[in-house]
């Protein structure tokens, strides 16, 4: 487990947040895109990635 933020994790997290925002803005019928809905997928991906990454 390695929960330290690396450049690749941060870049991927920002990319997921942007893609999630674009999805809710253009393709979703429900326009409720509050902060929790926007950040949750990125945080889950970050946590899962950190759990399976080995410490160096």
Protein backbone atom coordinates (compact mmCIF):
# COMPACT_ATOMS: atom_id res chain seq x y z
CA UNK A 1 0.00 0.00 0.00
CA UNK A 2 1.34 3.36 -1.02
CA UNK A 3 -0.94 6.32 -0.37
CA UNK A 4 1.62 9.01 -1.17
CA UNK A 5 0.56 11.15 -4.13
CA UNK A 6 2.79 10.72 -7.15
CA UNK A 7 2.76 12.78 -10.32
CA UNK A 8 1.03 10.03 -12.28
CA UNK A 9 -1.69 9.56 -9.64
CA UNK A 10 -2.39 13.29 -9.43
CA UNK A 11 -2.52 13.70 -13.21
CA UNK A 12 -4.86 10.71 -13.50
CA UNK A 13 -7.05 12.04 -10.67
CA UNK A 14 -7.41 15.44 -12.35
CA UNK A 15 -8.20 13.76 -15.67
CA UNK A 16 -10.93 11.62 -14.07
CA UNK A 17 -12.45 14.69 -12.39
CA UNK A 18 -12.52 16.59 -15.71
CA UNK A 19 -14.03 13.65 -17.58
CA UNK A 20 -16.63 13.15 -14.87
CA UNK A 21 -17.57 16.84 -15.02
CA UNK A 22 -17.89 16.71 -18.82
CA UNK A 23 -20.02 13.58 -18.63
CA UNK A 24 -22.46 15.13 -16.15
CA UNK A 25 -22.55 18.40 -18.07
CA UNK A 26 -23.19 17.00 -21.56
CA UNK A 27 -24.55 13.44 -21.32
CA UNK A 28 -26.40 13.06 -18.05
CA UNK A 29 -30.10 13.72 -17.71
CA UNK A 30 -29.61 14.48 -14.03
CA UNK A 31 -27.74 17.80 -13.91
CA UNK A 32 -26.98 17.50 -10.19
CA UNK A 33 -23.19 17.49 -10.25
CA UNK A 34 -22.26 18.61 -6.76
CA UNK A 35 -18.80 18.21 -5.27
CA UNK A 36 -19.37 14.71 -3.87
CA UNK A 37 -20.62 13.34 -7.18
CA UNK A 38 -17.75 14.99 -9.04
CA UNK A 39 -14.93 13.85 -6.75
CA UNK A 40 -16.13 10.38 -5.70
CA UNK A 41 -15.01 8.39 -8.80
CA UNK A 42 -11.54 9.93 -8.73
CA UNK A 43 -11.12 9.27 -5.02
CA UNK A 44 -12.22 5.64 -5.37
CA UNK A 45 -9.80 5.07 -8.25
CA UNK A 46 -7.00 6.71 -6.25
CA UNK A 47 -7.68 4.54 -3.21
CA UNK A 48 -7.87 1.30 -5.20
CA UNK A 49 -4.69 2.21 -7.10
CA UNK A 50 -2.92 3.00 -3.83
CA UNK A 51 -3.99 -0.28 -2.24
CA UNK A 52 -2.46 -2.37 -5.00
CA UNK A 53 0.69 -0.31 -5.51
CA UNK A 54 3.77 -1.64 -3.72
CA UNK A 55 6.09 0.59 -1.73
CA UNK A 56 9.50 1.15 -3.28
